[in-house]
Amino acid sequence: MLYEETTGTLLCGDLFTQVGNKVATDDDIIEPAGFAEDLFQASCLAPTSGATVRRLADLAPTTLALMHGPSFSGDCVGALKALADDYDPRVAAAART
């Protein structure tokens, strides 16, 4: 991940991985990211994943540049917090197995 301060762009790496072919969107990116995680189970989730993503939200990015999905220009802070909220139960479920 990389945060470009001048434009407020967070290059997200594998966060918000999605399937499809959109280039840019301000539509929901949480549900598609959850679907992709269910499908691929590719995220390296750890007990600190949710907290780490919440700290990224503190940067208040204006654009999320997704490596495996469209660039997102909607509520970036809200999207990061929602992704963190999605990660928490996934981590808890993995800990129970």
PDB file of N, CA and C in Angstrom:
ATOM      1  N   MET A   1       0.829  -1.173   0.000  1.00  0.00           N
ATOM      2  CA  MET A   1       0.000   0.000   0.000  1.00  0.00           C
ATOM      3  C   MET A   1       0.878   1.241   0.000  1.00  0.00           C
ATOM      4  N   LEU A   2       0.330   2.284  -0.556  1.00  0.00           N
ATOM      5  CA  LEU A   2       1.033   3.557  -0.627  1.00  0.00           C
ATOM      6  C   LEU A   2      -0.008   4.661  -0.566  1.00  0.00           C
ATOM      7  N   TYR A   3       0.272   5.694   0.207  1.00  0.00           N
ATOM      8  CA  TYR A   3      -0.631   6.842   0.288  1.00  0.00           C
ATOM      9  C   TYR A   3       0.046   8.036  -0.354  1.00  0.00           C
ATOM     10  N   GLU A   4      -0.585   8.591  -1.368  1.00  0.00           N
ATOM     11  CA  GLU A   4      -0.076   9.767  -2.055  1.00  0.00           C
ATOM     12  C   GLU A   4      -0.787  10.983  -1.470  1.00  0.00           C
ATOM     13  N   GLU A   5      -0.082  11.761  -0.680  1.00  0.00           N
ATOM     14  CA  GLU A   5      -0.688  12.854   0.096  1.00  0.00           C
ATOM     15  C   GLU A   5      -1.230  13.989  -0.757  1.00  0.00           C
ATOM     16  N   THR A   6      -0.571  14.318  -1.850  1.00  0.00           N
ATOM     17  CA  THR A   6      -0.988  15.463  -2.663  1.00  0.00           C
ATOM     18  C   THR A   6      -2.383  15.274  -3.237  1.00  0.00           C
ATOM     19  N   THR A   7      -2.663  14.073  -3.753  1.00  0.00           N
ATOM     20  CA  THR A   7      -3.975  13.815  -4.354  1.00  0.00           C
ATOM     21  C   THR A   7      -4.926  13.111  -3.390  1.00  0.00           C
ATOM     22  N   GLY A   8      -4.407  12.652  -2.260  1.00  0.00           N
ATOM     23  CA  GLY A   8      -5.240  11.925  -1.303  1.00  0.00           C
ATOM     24  C   GLY A   8      -5.603  10.534  -1.786  1.00  0.00           C
ATOM     25  N   THR A   9      -4.728   9.944  -2.601  1.00  0.00           N
ATOM     26  CA  THR A   9      -4.996   8.629  -3.161  1.00  0.00           C
ATOM     27  C   THR A   9      -4.297   7.550  -2.349  1.00  0.00           C
ATOM     28  N   LEU A  10      -5.065   6.565  -1.923  1.00  0.00           N
ATOM     29  CA  LEU A  10      -4.509   5.398  -1.254  1.00  0.00           C
ATOM     30  C   LEU A  10      -4.458   4.260  -2.264  1.00  0.00           C
ATOM     31  N   LEU A  11      -3.261   3.847  -2.623  1.00  0.00           N
ATOM     32  CA  LEU A  11      -3.080   2.687  -3.491  1.00  0.00           C
ATOM     33  C   LEU A  11      -3.216   1.473  -2.589  1.00  0.00           C
ATOM     34  N   CYS A  12      -4.290   0.728  -2.764  1.00  0.00           N
ATOM     35  CA  CYS A  12      -4.766  -0.241  -1.773  1.00  0.00           C
ATOM     36  C   CYS A  12      -4.181  -1.630  -1.865  1.00  0.00           C
ATOM     37  N   GLY A  13      -3.361  -1.911  -2.832  1.00  0.00           N
ATOM     38  CA  GLY A  13      -2.881  -3.279  -2.946  1.00  0.00           C
ATOM     39  C   GLY A  13      -4.058  -4.226  -3.106  1.00  0.00           C
ATOM     40  N   ASP A  14      -4.086  -5.283  -2.310  1.00  0.00           N
ATOM     41  CA  ASP A  14      -5.138  -6.287  -2.430  1.00  0.00           C
ATOM     42  C   ASP A  14      -6.391  -5.976  -1.618  1.00  0.00           C
ATOM     43  N   LEU A  15      -6.418  -4.861  -0.894  1.00  0.00           N
ATOM     44  CA  LEU A  15      -7.653  -4.498  -0.193  1.00  0.00           C
ATOM     45  C   LEU A  15      -8.760  -4.269  -1.217  1.00  0.00           C
ATOM     46  N   PHE A  16      -9.957  -4.695  -0.917  1.00  0.00           N
ATOM     47  CA  PHE A  16     -11.135  -4.501  -1.772  1.00  0.00           C
ATOM     48  C   PHE A  16     -11.059  -5.266  -3.098  1.00  0.00           C
ATOM     49  N   THR A  17     -10.360  -6.393  -3.141  1.00  0.00           N
ATOM     50  CA  THR A  17     -10.305  -7.199  -4.360  1.00  0.00           C
ATOM     51  C   THR A  17     -11.726  -7.466  -4.866  1.00  0.00           C
ATOM     52  N   GLN A  18     -11.902  -7.349  -6.176  1.00  0.00           N
ATOM     53  CA  GLN A  18     -13.216  -7.550  -6.784  1.00  0.00           C
ATOM     54  C   GLN A  18     -13.071  -8.310  -8.091  1.00  0.00           C
ATOM     55  N   VAL A  19     -14.163  -8.897  -8.518  1.00  0.00           N
ATOM     56  CA  VAL A  19     -14.208  -9.494  -9.850  1.00  0.00           C
ATOM     57  C   VAL A  19     -15.030  -8.563 -10.736  1.00  0.00           C
ATOM     58  N   GLY A  20     -14.757  -8.555 -12.000  1.00  0.00           N
ATOM     59  CA  GLY A  20     -15.471  -7.671 -12.919  1.00  0.00           C
ATOM     60  C   GLY A  20     -14.494  -6.816 -13.686  1.00  0.00           C
ATOM     61  N   ASN A  21     -15.031  -5.835 -14.410  1.00  0.00           N
ATOM     62  CA  ASN A  21     -14.161  -5.047 -15.284  1.00  0.00           C
ATOM     63  C   ASN A  21     -14.426  -3.550 -15.235  1.00  0.00           C
ATOM     64  N   LYS A  22     -14.918  -3.022 -14.143  1.00  0.00           N
ATOM     65  CA  LYS A  22     -15.094  -1.576 -14.031  1.00  0.00           C
ATOM     66  C   LYS A  22     -13.738  -0.898 -13.897  1.00  0.00           C
ATOM     67  N   VAL A  23     -13.640   0.319 -14.424  1.00  0.00           N
ATOM     68  CA  VAL A  23     -12.409   1.095 -14.317  1.00  0.00           C
ATOM     69  C   VAL A  23     -12.482   2.065 -13.149  1.00  0.00           C
ATOM     70  N   ALA A  24     -13.626   2.691 -12.960  1.00  0.00           N
ATOM     71  CA  ALA A  24     -13.817   3.651 -11.875  1.00  0.00           C
ATOM     72  C   ALA A  24     -15.256   3.546 -11.394  1.00  0.00           C
ATOM     73  N   THR A  25     -15.457   3.846 -10.101  1.00  0.00           N
ATOM     74  CA  THR A  25     -16.802   3.749  -9.552  1.00  0.00           C
ATOM     75  C   THR A  25     -16.925   4.601  -8.302  1.00  0.00           C
ATOM     76  N   ASP A  26     -18.159   4.951  -8.000  1.00  0.00           N
ATOM     77  CA  ASP A  26     -18.478   5.492  -6.678  1.00  0.00           C
ATOM     78  C   ASP A  26     -19.584   4.625  -6.066  1.00  0.00           C
ATOM     79  N   ASP A  27     -19.821   3.444  -6.694  1.00  0.00           N
ATOM     80  CA  ASP A  27     -20.771   2.461  -6.174  1.00  0.00           C
ATOM     81  C   ASP A  27     -20.155   1.727  -4.988  1.00  0.00           C
ATOM     82  N   ASP A  28     -20.964   0.906  -4.350  1.00  0.00           N
ATOM     83  CA  ASP A  28     -20.523   0.097  -3.223  1.00  0.00           C
ATOM     84  C   ASP A  28     -19.340  -0.783  -3.618  1.00  0.00           C
ATOM     85  N   ILE A  29     -18.273  -0.763  -2.825  1.00  0.00           N
ATOM     86  CA  ILE A  29     -17.146  -1.658  -3.065  1.00  0.00           C
ATOM     87  C   ILE A  29     -17.004  -2.689  -1.941  1.00  0.00           C
ATOM     88  N   ILE A  30     -17.815  -2.569  -0.902  1.00  0.00           N
ATOM     89  CA  ILE A  30     -17.719  -3.483   0.234  1.00  0.00           C
ATOM     90  C   ILE A  30     -18.311  -4.847  -0.103  1.00  0.00           C
ATOM     91  N   GLU A  31     -19.530  -4.869  -0.603  1.00  0.00           N
ATOM     92  CA  GLU A  31     -20.157  -6.154  -0.925  1.00  0.00           C
ATOM     93  C   GLU A  31     -19.354  -6.926  -1.968  1.00  0.00           C
ATOM     94  N   PRO A  32     -18.903  -6.282  -3.062  1.00  0.00           N
ATOM     95  CA  PRO A  32     -18.079  -7.027  -4.020  1.00  0.00           C
ATOM     96  C   PRO A  32     -16.761  -7.528  -3.412  1.00  0.00           C
ATOM     97  N   ALA A  33     -16.179  -6.749  -2.509  1.00  0.00           N
ATOM     98  CA  ALA A  33     -14.938  -7.190  -1.866  1.00  0.00           C
ATOM     99  C   ALA A  33     -15.193  -8.393  -0.959  1.00  0.00           C
ATOM    100  N   GLY A  34     -16.313  -8.387  -0.253  1.00  0.00           N
ATOM    101  CA  GLY A  34     -16.683  -9.527   0.581  1.00  0.00           C
ATOM    102  C   GLY A  34     -16.923 -10.772  -0.262  1.00  0.00           C
ATOM    103  N   PHE A  35     -17.583 -10.588  -1.414  1.00  0.00           N
ATOM    104  CA  PHE A  35     -17.823 -11.699  -2.327  1.00  0.00           C
ATOM    105  C   PHE A  35     -16.503 -12.292  -2.809  1.00  0.00           C
ATOM    106  N   ALA A  36     -15.566 -11.422  -3.209  1.00  0.00           N
ATOM    107  CA  ALA A  36     -14.268 -11.889  -3.695  1.00  0.00           C
ATOM    108  C   ALA A  36     -13.498 -12.597  -2.579  1.00  0.00           C
ATOM    109  N   GLU A  37     -13.592 -12.090  -1.356  1.00  0.00           N
ATOM    110  CA  GLU A  37     -12.909 -12.753  -0.243  1.00  0.00           C
ATOM    111  C   GLU A  37     -13.526 -14.121   0.021  1.00  0.00           C
ATOM    112  N   ASP A  38     -14.853 -14.218  -0.039  1.00  0.00           N
ATOM    113  CA  ASP A  38     -15.501 -15.520   0.114  1.00  0.00           C
ATOM    114  C   ASP A  38     -15.053 -16.488  -0.984  1.00  0.00           C
ATOM    115  N   LEU A  39     -14.905 -15.964  -2.188  1.00  0.00           N
ATOM    116  CA  LEU A  39     -14.552 -16.789  -3.339  1.00  0.00           C
ATOM    117  C   LEU A  39     -13.089 -17.238  -3.305  1.00  0.00           C
ATOM    118  N   PHE A  40     -12.181 -16.301  -3.066  1.00  0.00           N
ATOM    119  CA  PHE A  40     -10.748 -16.581  -3.178  1.00  0.00           C
ATOM    120  C   PHE A  40     -10.064 -16.865  -1.837  1.00  0.00           C
ATOM    121  N   GLN A  41     -10.600 -16.304  -0.764  1.00  0.00           N
ATOM    122  CA  GLN A  41      -9.968 -16.384   0.559  1.00  0.00           C
ATOM    123  C   GLN A  41      -8.480 -16.048   0.452  1.00  0.00           C
ATOM    124  N   ALA A  42      -8.198 -14.954  -0.204  1.00  0.00           N
ATOM    125  CA  ALA A  42      -6.819 -14.589  -0.519  1.00  0.00           C
ATOM    126  C   ALA A  42      -6.201 -13.589   0.456  1.00  0.00           C
ATOM    127  N   SER A  43      -6.997 -12.951   1.296  1.00  0.00           N
ATOM    128  CA  SER A  43      -6.438 -11.962   2.220  1.00  0.00           C
ATOM    129  C   SER A  43      -5.714 -12.660   3.362  1.00  0.00           C
ATOM    130  N   CYS A  44      -4.584 -12.130   3.726  1.00  0.00           N
ATOM    131  CA  CYS A  44      -3.842 -12.628   4.893  1.00  0.00           C
ATOM    132  C   CYS A  44      -4.363 -11.887   6.112  1.00  0.00           C
ATOM    133  N   LEU A  45      -5.484 -12.352   6.632  1.00  0.00           N
ATOM    134  CA  LEU A  45      -6.096 -11.672   7.767  1.00  0.00           C
ATOM    135  C   LEU A  45      -5.419 -12.094   9.060  1.00  0.00           C
ATOM    136  N   ALA A  46      -5.250 -11.134   9.948  1.00  0.00           N
ATOM    137  CA  ALA A  46      -4.625 -11.354  11.245  1.00  0.00           C
ATOM    138  C   ALA A  46      -5.471 -10.650  12.298  1.00  0.00           C
ATOM    139  N   PRO A  47      -5.238 -10.950  13.558  1.00  0.00           N
ATOM    140  CA  PRO A  47      -6.026 -10.289  14.612  1.00  0.00           C
ATOM    141  C   PRO A  47      -5.981  -8.760  14.553  1.00  0.00           C
ATOM    142  N   THR A  48      -4.948  -8.204  13.959  1.00  0.00           N
ATOM    143  CA  THR A  48      -4.817  -6.742  13.881  1.00  0.00           C
ATOM    144  C   THR A  48      -5.307  -6.157  12.557  1.00  0.00           C
ATOM    145  N   SER A  49      -5.836  -6.982  11.658  1.00  0.00           N
ATOM    146  CA  SER A  49      -6.239  -6.494  10.333  1.00  0.00           C
ATOM    147  C   SER A  49      -7.276  -5.378  10.410  1.00  0.00           C
ATOM    148  N   GLY A  50      -8.335  -5.579  11.193  1.00  0.00           N
ATOM    149  CA  GLY A  50      -9.372  -4.551  11.305  1.00  0.00           C
ATOM    150  C   GLY A  50      -8.815  -3.238  11.824  1.00  0.00           C
ATOM    151  N   ALA A  51      -8.007  -3.309  12.875  1.00  0.00           N
ATOM    152  CA  ALA A  51      -7.425  -2.093  13.450  1.00  0.00           C
ATOM    153  C   ALA A  51      -6.492  -1.395  12.465  1.00  0.00           C
ATOM    154  N   THR A  52      -5.749  -2.172  11.708  1.00  0.00           N
ATOM    155  CA  THR A  52      -4.830  -1.596  10.723  1.00  0.00           C
ATOM    156  C   THR A  52      -5.594  -0.852   9.636  1.00  0.00           C
ATOM    157  N   VAL A  53      -6.667  -1.455   9.139  1.00  0.00           N
ATOM    158  CA  VAL A  53      -7.459  -0.804   8.093  1.00  0.00           C
ATOM    159  C   VAL A  53      -8.142   0.448   8.655  1.00  0.00           C
ATOM    160  N   ARG A  54      -8.565   0.412   9.906  1.00  0.00           N
ATOM    161  CA  ARG A  54      -9.153   1.618  10.525  1.00  0.00           C
ATOM    162  C   ARG A  54      -8.124   2.746  10.611  1.00  0.00           C
ATOM    163  N   ARG A  55      -6.876   2.404  10.843  1.00  0.00           N
ATOM    164  CA  ARG A  55      -5.830   3.443  10.864  1.00  0.00           C
ATOM    165  C   ARG A  55      -5.639   4.036   9.471  1.00  0.00           C
ATOM    166  N   LEU A  56      -5.789   3.216   8.434  1.00  0.00           N
ATOM    167  CA  LEU A  56      -5.731   3.763   7.069  1.00  0.00           C
ATOM    168  C   LEU A  56      -6.866   4.751   6.841  1.00  0.00           C
ATOM    169  N   ALA A  57      -8.032   4.486   7.422  1.00  0.00           N
ATOM    170  CA  ALA A  57      -9.167   5.409   7.293  1.00  0.00           C
ATOM    171  C   ALA A  57      -8.832   6.765   7.910  1.00  0.00           C
ATOM    172  N   ASP A  58      -7.986   6.767   8.939  1.00  0.00           N
ATOM    173  CA  ASP A  58      -7.587   8.029   9.575  1.00  0.00           C
ATOM    174  C   ASP A  58      -6.833   8.950   8.619  1.00  0.00           C
ATOM    175  N   LEU A  59      -6.291   8.399   7.545  1.00  0.00           N
ATOM    176  CA  LEU A  59      -5.621   9.228   6.535  1.00  0.00           C
ATOM    177  C   LEU A  59      -6.621  10.070   5.743  1.00  0.00           C
ATOM    178  N   ALA A  60      -7.892   9.696   5.796  1.00  0.00           N
ATOM    179  CA  ALA A  60      -8.968  10.386   5.068  1.00  0.00           C
ATOM    180  C   ALA A  60      -8.686  10.495   3.570  1.00  0.00           C
ATOM    181  N   PRO A  61      -8.410   9.365   2.916  1.00  0.00           N
ATOM    182  CA  PRO A  61      -8.158   9.428   1.475  1.00  0.00           C
ATOM    183  C   PRO A  61      -9.412   9.846   0.719  1.00  0.00           C
ATOM    184  N   THR A  62      -9.186  10.453  -0.443  1.00  0.00           N
ATOM    185  CA  THR A  62     -10.296  10.877  -1.294  1.00  0.00           C
ATOM    186  C   THR A  62     -10.521   9.917  -2.460  1.00  0.00           C
ATOM    187  N   THR A  63      -9.523   9.092  -2.741  1.00  0.00           N
ATOM    188  CA  THR A  63      -9.625   8.072  -3.783  1.00  0.00           C
ATOM    189  C   THR A  63      -8.944   6.806  -3.288  1.00  0.00           C
ATOM    190  N   LEU A  64      -9.586   5.676  -3.534  1.00  0.00           N
ATOM    191  CA  LEU A  64      -8.977   4.385  -3.263  1.00  0.00           C
ATOM    192  C   LEU A  64      -8.636   3.755  -4.612  1.00  0.00           C
ATOM    193  N   ALA A  65      -7.364   3.578  -4.875  1.00  0.00           N
ATOM    194  CA  ALA A  65      -6.917   2.956  -6.118  1.00  0.00           C
ATOM    195  C   ALA A  65      -6.763   1.468  -5.850  1.00  0.00           C
ATOM    196  N   LEU A  66      -7.723   0.698  -6.327  1.00  0.00           N
ATOM    197  CA  LEU A  66      -7.756  -0.725  -6.058  1.00  0.00           C
ATOM    198  C   LEU A  66      -6.916  -1.469  -7.089  1.00  0.00           C
ATOM    199  N   MET A  67      -6.063  -2.374  -6.623  1.00  0.00           N
ATOM    200  CA  MET A  67      -5.253  -3.148  -7.557  1.00  0.00           C
ATOM    201  C   MET A  67      -6.120  -4.119  -8.343  1.00  0.00           C
ATOM    202  N   HIS A  68      -7.072  -4.732  -7.673  1.00  0.00           N
ATOM    203  CA  HIS A  68      -7.944  -5.714  -8.313  1.00  0.00           C
ATOM    204  C   HIS A  68      -9.387  -5.221  -8.258  1.00  0.00           C
ATOM    205  N   GLY A  69      -9.626  -4.080  -8.871  1.00  0.00           N
ATOM    206  CA  GLY A  69     -10.947  -3.487  -8.882  1.00  0.00           C
ATOM    207  C   GLY A  69     -10.865  -2.062  -9.398  1.00  0.00           C
ATOM    208  N   PRO A  70     -11.996  -1.378  -9.434  1.00  0.00           N
ATOM    209  CA  PRO A  70     -12.027  -0.013  -9.966  1.00  0.00           C
ATOM    210  C   PRO A  70     -11.485   0.994  -8.967  1.00  0.00           C
ATOM    211  N   SER A  71     -11.041   2.132  -9.457  1.00  0.00           N
ATOM    212  CA  SER A  71     -10.734   3.247  -8.561  1.00  0.00           C
ATOM    213  C   SER A  71     -12.047   3.716  -7.955  1.00  0.00           C
ATOM    214  N   PHE A  72     -12.012   4.028  -6.676  1.00  0.00           N
ATOM    215  CA  PHE A  72     -13.225   4.387  -5.946  1.00  0.00           C
ATOM    216  C   PHE A  72     -13.099   5.808  -5.449  1.00  0.00           C
ATOM    217  N   SER A  73     -14.134   6.622  -5.712  1.00  0.00           N
ATOM    218  CA  SER A  73     -14.107   8.029  -5.300  1.00  0.00           C
ATOM    219  C   SER A  73     -15.300   8.400  -4.433  1.00  0.00           C
ATOM    220  N   GLY A  74     -15.940   7.408  -3.833  1.00  0.00           N
ATOM    221  CA  GLY A  74     -17.070   7.683  -2.939  1.00  0.00           C
ATOM    222  C   GLY A  74     -16.583   7.976  -1.534  1.00  0.00           C
ATOM    223  N   ASP A  75     -17.300   7.471  -0.544  1.00  0.00           N
ATOM    224  CA  ASP A  75     -16.950   7.659   0.870  1.00  0.00           C
ATOM    225  C   ASP A  75     -15.804   6.716   1.219  1.00  0.00           C
ATOM    226  N   CYS A  76     -14.588   7.159   0.993  1.00  0.00           N
ATOM    227  CA  CYS A  76     -13.410   6.310   1.190  1.00  0.00           C
ATOM    228  C   CYS A  76     -13.210   5.945   2.657  1.00  0.00           C
ATOM    229  N   VAL A  77     -13.403   6.896   3.541  1.00  0.00           N
ATOM    230  CA  VAL A  77     -13.251   6.625   4.975  1.00  0.00           C
ATOM    231  C   VAL A  77     -14.276   5.582   5.408  1.00  0.00           C
ATOM    232  N   GLY A  78     -15.520   5.771   5.001  1.00  0.00           N
ATOM    233  CA  GLY A  78     -16.575   4.817   5.332  1.00  0.00           C
ATOM    234  C   GLY A  78     -16.299   3.441   4.755  1.00  0.00           C
ATOM    235  N   ALA A  79     -15.770   3.390   3.535  1.00  0.00           N
ATOM    236  CA  ALA A  79     -15.466   2.105   2.902  1.00  0.00           C
ATOM    237  C   ALA A  79     -14.362   1.372   3.666  1.00  0.00           C
ATOM    238  N   LEU A  80     -13.336   2.094   4.074  1.00  0.00           N
ATOM    239  CA  LEU A  80     -12.258   1.461   4.839  1.00  0.00           C
ATOM    240  C   LEU A  80     -12.766   0.949   6.181  1.00  0.00           C
ATOM    241  N   LYS A  81     -13.582   1.741   6.848  1.00  0.00           N
ATOM    242  CA  LYS A  81     -14.134   1.298   8.141  1.00  0.00           C
ATOM    243  C   LYS A  81     -15.051   0.093   7.959  1.00  0.00           C
ATOM    244  N   ALA A  82     -15.831   0.077   6.893  1.00  0.00           N
ATOM    245  CA  ALA A  82     -16.711  -1.058   6.623  1.00  0.00           C
ATOM    246  C   ALA A  82     -15.904  -2.311   6.286  1.00  0.00           C
ATOM    247  N   LEU A  83     -14.802  -2.140   5.568  1.00  0.00           N
ATOM    248  CA  LEU A  83     -13.948  -3.287   5.270  1.00  0.00           C
ATOM    249  C   LEU A  83     -13.351  -3.839   6.568  1.00  0.00           C
ATOM    250  N   ALA A  84     -12.926  -2.956   7.454  1.00  0.00           N
ATOM    251  CA  ALA A  84     -12.409  -3.390   8.755  1.00  0.00           C
ATOM    252  C   ALA A  84     -13.481  -4.138   9.528  1.00  0.00           C
ATOM    253  N   ASP A  85     -14.701  -3.634   9.483  1.00  0.00           N
ATOM    254  CA  ASP A  85     -15.817  -4.310  10.157  1.00  0.00           C
ATOM    255  C   ASP A  85     -16.091  -5.680   9.544  1.00  0.00           C
ATOM    256  N   ASP A  86     -15.853  -5.822   8.244  1.00  0.00           N
ATOM    257  CA  ASP A  86     -16.025  -7.114   7.577  1.00  0.00           C
ATOM    258  C   ASP A  86     -14.904  -8.084   7.978  1.00  0.00           C
ATOM    259  N   TYR A  87     -13.722  -7.565   8.157  1.00  0.00           N
ATOM    260  CA  TYR A  87     -12.579  -8.415   8.519  1.00  0.00           C
ATOM    261  C   TYR A  87     -12.701  -8.990   9.925  1.00  0.00           C
ATOM    262  N   ASP A  88     -13.222  -8.204  10.872  1.00  0.00           N
ATOM    263  CA  ASP A  88     -13.260  -8.651  12.274  1.00  0.00           C
ATOM    264  C   ASP A  88     -13.939 -10.002  12.459  1.00  0.00           C
ATOM    265  N   PRO A  89     -15.160 -10.225  11.960  1.00  0.00           N
ATOM    266  CA  PRO A  89     -15.771 -11.554  12.146  1.00  0.00           C
ATOM    267  C   PRO A  89     -15.066 -12.659  11.355  1.00  0.00           C
ATOM    268  N   ARG A  90     -14.447 -12.327  10.256  1.00  0.00           N
ATOM    269  CA  ARG A  90     -13.689 -13.332   9.500  1.00  0.00           C
ATOM    270  C   ARG A  90     -12.515 -13.830  10.330  1.00  0.00           C
ATOM    271  N   VAL A  91     -11.818 -12.893  10.987  1.00  0.00           N
ATOM    272  CA  VAL A  91     -10.697 -13.270  11.835  1.00  0.00           C
ATOM    273  C   VAL A  91     -11.188 -14.094  13.018  1.00  0.00           C
ATOM    274  N   ALA A  92     -12.270 -13.665  13.622  1.00  0.00           N
ATOM    275  CA  ALA A  92     -12.824 -14.393  14.774  1.00  0.00           C
ATOM    276  C   ALA A  92     -13.237 -15.812  14.363  1.00  0.00           C
ATOM    277  N   ALA A  93     -13.838 -15.961  13.210  1.00  0.00           N
ATOM    278  CA  ALA A  93     -14.257 -17.285  12.735  1.00  0.00           C
ATOM    279  C   ALA A  93     -13.054 -18.175  12.484  1.00  0.00           C
ATOM    280  N   ALA A  94     -12.006 -17.602  11.914  1.00  0.00           N
ATOM    281  CA  ALA A  94     -10.797 -18.389  11.646  1.00  0.00           C
ATOM    282  C   ALA A  94     -10.131 -18.830  12.939  1.00  0.00           C
ATOM    283  N   ALA A  95     -10.209 -17.987  13.962  1.00  0.00           N
ATOM    284  CA  ALA A  95      -9.614 -18.332  15.260  1.00  0.00           C
ATOM    285  C   ALA A  95     -10.343 -19.489  15.926  1.00  0.00           C
ATOM    286  N   ARG A  96     -11.632 -19.643  15.619  1.00  0.00           N
ATOM    287  CA  ARG A  96     -12.419 -20.720  16.214  1.00  0.00           C
ATOM    288  C   ARG A  96     -12.169 -22.070  15.549  1.00  0.00           C
ATOM    289  N   THR A  97     -11.579 -22.060  14.349  1.00  0.00           N
ATOM    290  CA  THR A  97     -11.367 -23.336  13.648  1.00  0.00           C
ATOM    291  C   THR A  97     -10.036 -23.950  13.963  1.00  0.00           C
TER     292      THR A  97
END
